[in-house]
Amino acid sequence: MNSELRELYQEVIIDHSRRPRNFRRLGDTAHKVEGFNPLCGDHITVYVVVQDDVVKDIAFQGSGCAISTASASVMTEALKGKTRAEAEKLFQAFHGLVTGKPERIADGASLGKLAVFAGVSEFPTRVKCATLCWHTARAAMEGKEEPVSTE
């Protein structure tokens, strides 16, 4: 990755960590699940409203490092309006991106703004920071109630 692109990606991550989108609690109709990353201290609650198999609304609250907060912010923008199947494809593609396994990115999933997290694969300890919100959102969409942990 060239230095100009890396700098742009860092700017997007900093922007989303300082001014996270969809950082709010959703009402009682939302399914919520908590997620923890004991290694970094990230704690997140993801709220999801799924109607007719489509993510109608998604939000999060919590505290964490810049990567964790930015990932949750960008994730909520990416998942809103997607079907469960589309959300799962995005999860697989994002996970492939941050773990350095690009074969998972195929399958027609367009990462869009999520591509800013490509550099995370160079820092294995940060992969859990970037994926915590995704595992938590997936559990919420599946109707699970137990907390999610990266350990």
C-alpha atoms as a PDB file:
ATOM      1  CA  MET A   1       0.000   0.000   0.000  1.00  0.00           C
ATOM      2  CA  ASN A   2       1.471   3.369  -0.951  1.00  0.00           C
ATOM      3  CA  SER A   3       1.991   6.081   1.666  1.00  0.00           C
ATOM      4  CA  GLU A   4      -0.711   8.419   0.272  1.00  0.00           C
ATOM      5  CA  LEU A   5      -3.341   5.707   0.449  1.00  0.00           C
ATOM      6  CA  ARG A   6      -2.199   4.668   3.941  1.00  0.00           C
ATOM      7  CA  GLU A   7      -2.481   8.298   5.091  1.00  0.00           C
ATOM      8  CA  LEU A   8      -6.004   8.596   3.648  1.00  0.00           C
ATOM      9  CA  TYR A   9      -7.025   5.367   5.393  1.00  0.00           C
ATOM     10  CA  GLN A  10      -5.624   6.642   8.695  1.00  0.00           C
ATOM     11  CA  GLU A  11      -7.586   9.886   8.316  1.00  0.00           C
ATOM     12  CA  VAL A  12     -10.847   7.971   7.804  1.00  0.00           C
ATOM     13  CA  ILE A  13     -10.173   5.790  10.848  1.00  0.00           C
ATOM     14  CA  ILE A  14      -9.336   8.821  13.007  1.00  0.00           C
ATOM     15  CA  ASP A  15     -12.469  10.644  11.818  1.00  0.00           C
ATOM     16  CA  HIS A  16     -14.717   7.677  12.648  1.00  0.00           C
ATOM     17  CA  SER A  17     -13.060   7.134  16.026  1.00  0.00           C
ATOM     18  CA  ARG A  18     -13.467  10.793  17.018  1.00  0.00           C
ATOM     19  CA  ARG A  19     -16.958  11.243  15.547  1.00  0.00           C
ATOM     20  CA  PRO A  20     -18.502   7.779  15.392  1.00  0.00           C
ATOM     21  CA  ARG A  21     -21.633   7.403  13.302  1.00  0.00           C
ATOM     22  CA  ASN A  22     -24.658   5.629  14.787  1.00  0.00           C
ATOM     23  CA  PHE A  23     -23.229   5.940  18.305  1.00  0.00           C
ATOM     24  CA  ARG A  24     -26.486   5.733  20.178  1.00  0.00           C
ATOM     25  CA  ARG A  25     -28.878   3.374  21.895  1.00  0.00           C
ATOM     26  CA  LEU A  26     -31.827   2.035  19.933  1.00  0.00           C
ATOM     27  CA  GLY A  27     -35.282   1.548  21.455  1.00  0.00           C
ATOM     28  CA  ASP A  28     -36.861  -1.528  22.952  1.00  0.00           C
ATOM     29  CA  THR A  29     -37.562  -3.119  19.568  1.00  0.00           C
ATOM     30  CA  ALA A  30     -33.824  -3.566  18.977  1.00  0.00           C
ATOM     31  CA  HIS A  31     -31.993  -6.735  19.836  1.00  0.00           C
ATOM     32  CA  LYS A  32     -28.825  -5.959  21.765  1.00  0.00           C
ATOM     33  CA  VAL A  33     -25.674  -7.892  22.539  1.00  0.00           C
ATOM     34  CA  GLU A  34     -22.582  -6.873  24.487  1.00  0.00           C
ATOM     35  CA  GLY A  35     -19.060  -7.578  23.296  1.00  0.00           C
ATOM     36  CA  PHE A  36     -15.733  -7.554  25.115  1.00  0.00           C
ATOM     37  CA  ASN A  37     -12.102  -7.606  24.047  1.00  0.00           C
ATOM     38  CA  PRO A  38     -10.180  -8.331  27.260  1.00  0.00           C
ATOM     39  CA  LEU A  39      -6.821  -7.911  25.508  1.00  0.00           C
ATOM     40  CA  CYS A  40      -7.416  -4.249  24.651  1.00  0.00           C
ATOM     41  CA  GLY A  41     -10.235  -3.379  27.059  1.00  0.00           C
ATOM     42  CA  ASP A  42     -12.802  -2.687  24.323  1.00  0.00           C
ATOM     43  CA  HIS A  43     -16.424  -2.943  25.439  1.00  0.00           C
ATOM     44  CA  ILE A  44     -19.309  -2.493  23.019  1.00  0.00           C
ATOM     45  CA  THR A  45     -23.056  -2.945  22.899  1.00  0.00           C
ATOM     46  CA  VAL A  46     -24.541  -3.403  19.432  1.00  0.00           C
ATOM     47  CA  TYR A  47     -28.244  -2.726  18.819  1.00  0.00           C
ATOM     48  CA  VAL A  48     -29.897  -4.169  15.727  1.00  0.00           C
ATOM     49  CA  VAL A  49     -33.419  -3.928  14.335  1.00  0.00           C
ATOM     50  CA  VAL A  50     -34.083  -6.574  11.680  1.00  0.00           C
ATOM     51  CA  GLN A  51     -37.411  -6.551   9.844  1.00  0.00           C
ATOM     52  CA  ASP A  52     -38.285  -8.806   6.932  1.00  0.00           C
ATOM     53  CA  ASP A  53     -34.701 -10.129   7.000  1.00  0.00           C
ATOM     54  CA  VAL A  54     -33.256  -6.620   6.447  1.00  0.00           C
ATOM     55  CA  VAL A  55     -31.163  -4.573   8.880  1.00  0.00           C
ATOM     56  CA  LYS A  56     -33.509  -1.598   9.308  1.00  0.00           C
ATOM     57  CA  ASP A  57     -31.359   0.100  11.926  1.00  0.00           C
ATOM     58  CA  ILE A  58     -28.107  -0.591  13.728  1.00  0.00           C
ATOM     59  CA  ALA A  59     -26.229   1.379  16.352  1.00  0.00           C
ATOM     60  CA  PHE A  60     -23.637   0.908  19.051  1.00  0.00           C
ATOM     61  CA  GLN A  61     -22.399   2.280  22.348  1.00  0.00           C
ATOM     62  CA  GLY A  62     -19.339   1.574  24.390  1.00  0.00           C
ATOM     63  CA  SER A  63     -15.708   2.429  24.742  1.00  0.00           C
ATOM     64  CA  GLY A  64     -12.604   1.167  23.072  1.00  0.00           C
ATOM     65  CA  CYS A  65      -9.510   1.980  21.125  1.00  0.00           C
ATOM     66  CA  ALA A  66      -9.603   4.007  17.904  1.00  0.00           C
ATOM     67  CA  ILE A  67      -9.651   0.880  15.704  1.00  0.00           C
ATOM     68  CA  SER A  68     -12.553  -0.649  17.640  1.00  0.00           C
ATOM     69  CA  THR A  69     -14.654   2.519  17.612  1.00  0.00           C
ATOM     70  CA  ALA A  70     -13.933   3.320  13.961  1.00  0.00           C
ATOM     71  CA  SER A  71     -14.701  -0.256  12.920  1.00  0.00           C
ATOM     72  CA  ALA A  72     -18.069  -0.149  14.701  1.00  0.00           C
ATOM     73  CA  SER A  73     -18.881   3.218  13.138  1.00  0.00           C
ATOM     74  CA  VAL A  74     -18.069   2.143   9.580  1.00  0.00           C
ATOM     75  CA  MET A  75     -19.736  -1.244  10.138  1.00  0.00           C
ATOM     76  CA  THR A  76     -23.051   0.353  11.134  1.00  0.00           C
ATOM     77  CA  GLU A  77     -23.033   2.461   7.981  1.00  0.00           C
ATOM     78  CA  ALA A  78     -22.209  -0.581   5.850  1.00  0.00           C
ATOM     79  CA  LEU A  79     -24.820  -2.930   7.325  1.00  0.00           C
ATOM     80  CA  LYS A  80     -27.825  -0.603   7.396  1.00  0.00           C
ATOM     81  CA  GLY A  81     -30.263  -1.702   4.691  1.00  0.00           C
ATOM     82  CA  LYS A  82     -28.527  -5.025   4.024  1.00  0.00           C
ATOM     83  CA  THR A  83     -30.180  -8.426   4.199  1.00  0.00           C
ATOM     84  CA  ARG A  84     -28.801 -10.963   6.665  1.00  0.00           C
ATOM     85  CA  ALA A  85     -27.140 -12.803   3.771  1.00  0.00           C
ATOM     86  CA  GLU A  86     -25.506  -9.592   2.510  1.00  0.00           C
ATOM     87  CA  ALA A  87     -24.383  -8.774   6.054  1.00  0.00           C
ATOM     88  CA  GLU A  88     -22.808 -12.216   6.365  1.00  0.00           C
ATOM     89  CA  LYS A  89     -20.937 -11.751   3.068  1.00  0.00           C
ATOM     90  CA  LEU A  90     -19.625  -8.416   4.320  1.00  0.00           C
ATOM     91  CA  PHE A  91     -18.577 -10.024   7.609  1.00  0.00           C
ATOM     92  CA  GLN A  92     -16.654 -12.729   5.753  1.00  0.00           C
ATOM     93  CA  ALA A  93     -15.047 -10.212   3.390  1.00  0.00           C
ATOM     94  CA  PHE A  94     -14.068  -7.860   6.228  1.00  0.00           C
ATOM     95  CA  HIS A  95     -12.678 -10.719   8.288  1.00  0.00           C
ATOM     96  CA  GLY A  96     -10.630 -11.843   5.285  1.00  0.00           C
ATOM     97  CA  LEU A  97      -9.326  -8.310   4.803  1.00  0.00           C
ATOM     98  CA  VAL A  98      -8.162  -7.783   8.391  1.00  0.00           C
ATOM     99  CA  THR A  99      -6.727 -11.282   8.806  1.00  0.00           C
ATOM    100  CA  GLY A 100      -4.820 -11.111   5.541  1.00  0.00           C
ATOM    101  CA  LYS A 101      -6.854 -13.888   3.908  1.00  0.00           C
ATOM    102  CA  PRO A 102      -8.062 -12.191   0.728  1.00  0.00           C
ATOM    103  CA  GLU A 103      -9.608 -15.391  -0.648  1.00  0.00           C
ATOM    104  CA  ARG A 104     -12.539 -14.613   1.657  1.00  0.00           C
ATOM    105  CA  ILE A 105     -13.020 -11.231  -0.010  1.00  0.00           C
ATOM    106  CA  ALA A 106     -14.142 -12.772  -3.280  1.00  0.00           C
ATOM    107  CA  ASP A 107     -17.780 -13.795  -3.554  1.00  0.00           C
ATOM    108  CA  GLY A 108     -18.996 -10.441  -4.849  1.00  0.00           C
ATOM    109  CA  ALA A 109     -18.889  -8.547  -1.557  1.00  0.00           C
ATOM    110  CA  SER A 110     -17.898  -4.933  -2.077  1.00  0.00           C
ATOM    111  CA  LEU A 111     -16.030  -3.573   0.925  1.00  0.00           C
ATOM    112  CA  GLY A 112     -16.346   0.105   0.026  1.00  0.00           C
ATOM    113  CA  LYS A 113     -15.222   2.264   2.944  1.00  0.00           C
ATOM    114  CA  LEU A 114     -14.408  -0.879   4.973  1.00  0.00           C
ATOM    115  CA  ALA A 115     -11.234  -1.185   2.877  1.00  0.00           C
ATOM    116  CA  VAL A 116      -9.638   1.443   5.136  1.00  0.00           C
ATOM    117  CA  PHE A 117      -8.985  -1.387   7.613  1.00  0.00           C
ATOM    118  CA  ALA A 118      -6.659  -3.263   5.223  1.00  0.00           C
ATOM    119  CA  GLY A 119      -3.614  -2.260   7.265  1.00  0.00           C
ATOM    120  CA  VAL A 120      -4.945  -4.008  10.368  1.00  0.00           C
ATOM    121  CA  SER A 121      -3.686  -7.324   8.965  1.00  0.00           C
ATOM    122  CA  GLU A 122      -0.143  -6.041   9.567  1.00  0.00           C
ATOM    123  CA  PHE A 123      -0.878  -5.830  13.307  1.00  0.00           C
ATOM    124  CA  PRO A 124      -2.289  -9.178  14.500  1.00  0.00           C
ATOM    125  CA  THR A 125      -3.084  -7.873  17.994  1.00  0.00           C
ATOM    126  CA  ARG A 126      -5.426  -5.282  16.430  1.00  0.00           C
ATOM    127  CA  VAL A 127      -7.506  -7.812  14.482  1.00  0.00           C
ATOM    128  CA  LYS A 128      -9.644  -8.484  17.572  1.00  0.00           C
ATOM    129  CA  CYS A 129     -10.168  -4.742  18.005  1.00  0.00           C
ATOM    130  CA  ALA A 130     -11.441  -4.405  14.441  1.00  0.00           C
ATOM    131  CA  THR A 131     -13.640  -7.523  14.466  1.00  0.00           C
ATOM    132  CA  LEU A 132     -15.245  -7.277  17.925  1.00  0.00           C
ATOM    133  CA  CYS A 133     -18.182  -5.190  16.681  1.00  0.00           C
ATOM    134  CA  TRP A 134     -18.712  -7.556  13.738  1.00  0.00           C
ATOM    135  CA  HIS A 135     -18.893 -10.657  15.930  1.00  0.00           C
ATOM    136  CA  THR A 136     -21.227  -8.782  18.284  1.00  0.00           C
ATOM    137  CA  ALA A 137     -23.496  -7.565  15.457  1.00  0.00           C
ATOM    138  CA  ARG A 138     -23.615 -11.068  13.995  1.00  0.00           C
ATOM    139  CA  ALA A 139     -24.723 -12.459  17.381  1.00  0.00           C
ATOM    140  CA  ALA A 140     -27.401  -9.749  17.657  1.00  0.00           C
ATOM    141  CA  MET A 141     -28.735 -10.519  14.159  1.00  0.00           C
ATOM    142  CA  GLU A 142     -28.888 -14.209  15.105  1.00  0.00           C
ATOM    143  CA  GLY A 143     -30.948 -13.342  18.185  1.00  0.00           C
ATOM    144  CA  LYS A 144     -28.322 -14.479  20.678  1.00  0.00           C
ATOM    145  CA  GLU A 145     -28.304 -13.038  24.161  1.00  0.00           C
ATOM    146  CA  GLU A 146     -25.001 -14.057  25.713  1.00  0.00           C
ATOM    147  CA  PRO A 147     -22.101 -11.607  25.615  1.00  0.00           C
ATOM    148  CA  VAL A 148     -19.458 -11.999  22.909  1.00  0.00           C
ATOM    149  CA  SER A 149     -15.771 -12.161  23.798  1.00  0.00           C
ATOM    150  CA  THR A 150     -12.728 -12.124  21.560  1.00  0.00           C
ATOM    151  CA  GLU A 151     -11.034 -14.658  23.849  1.00  0.00           C
END
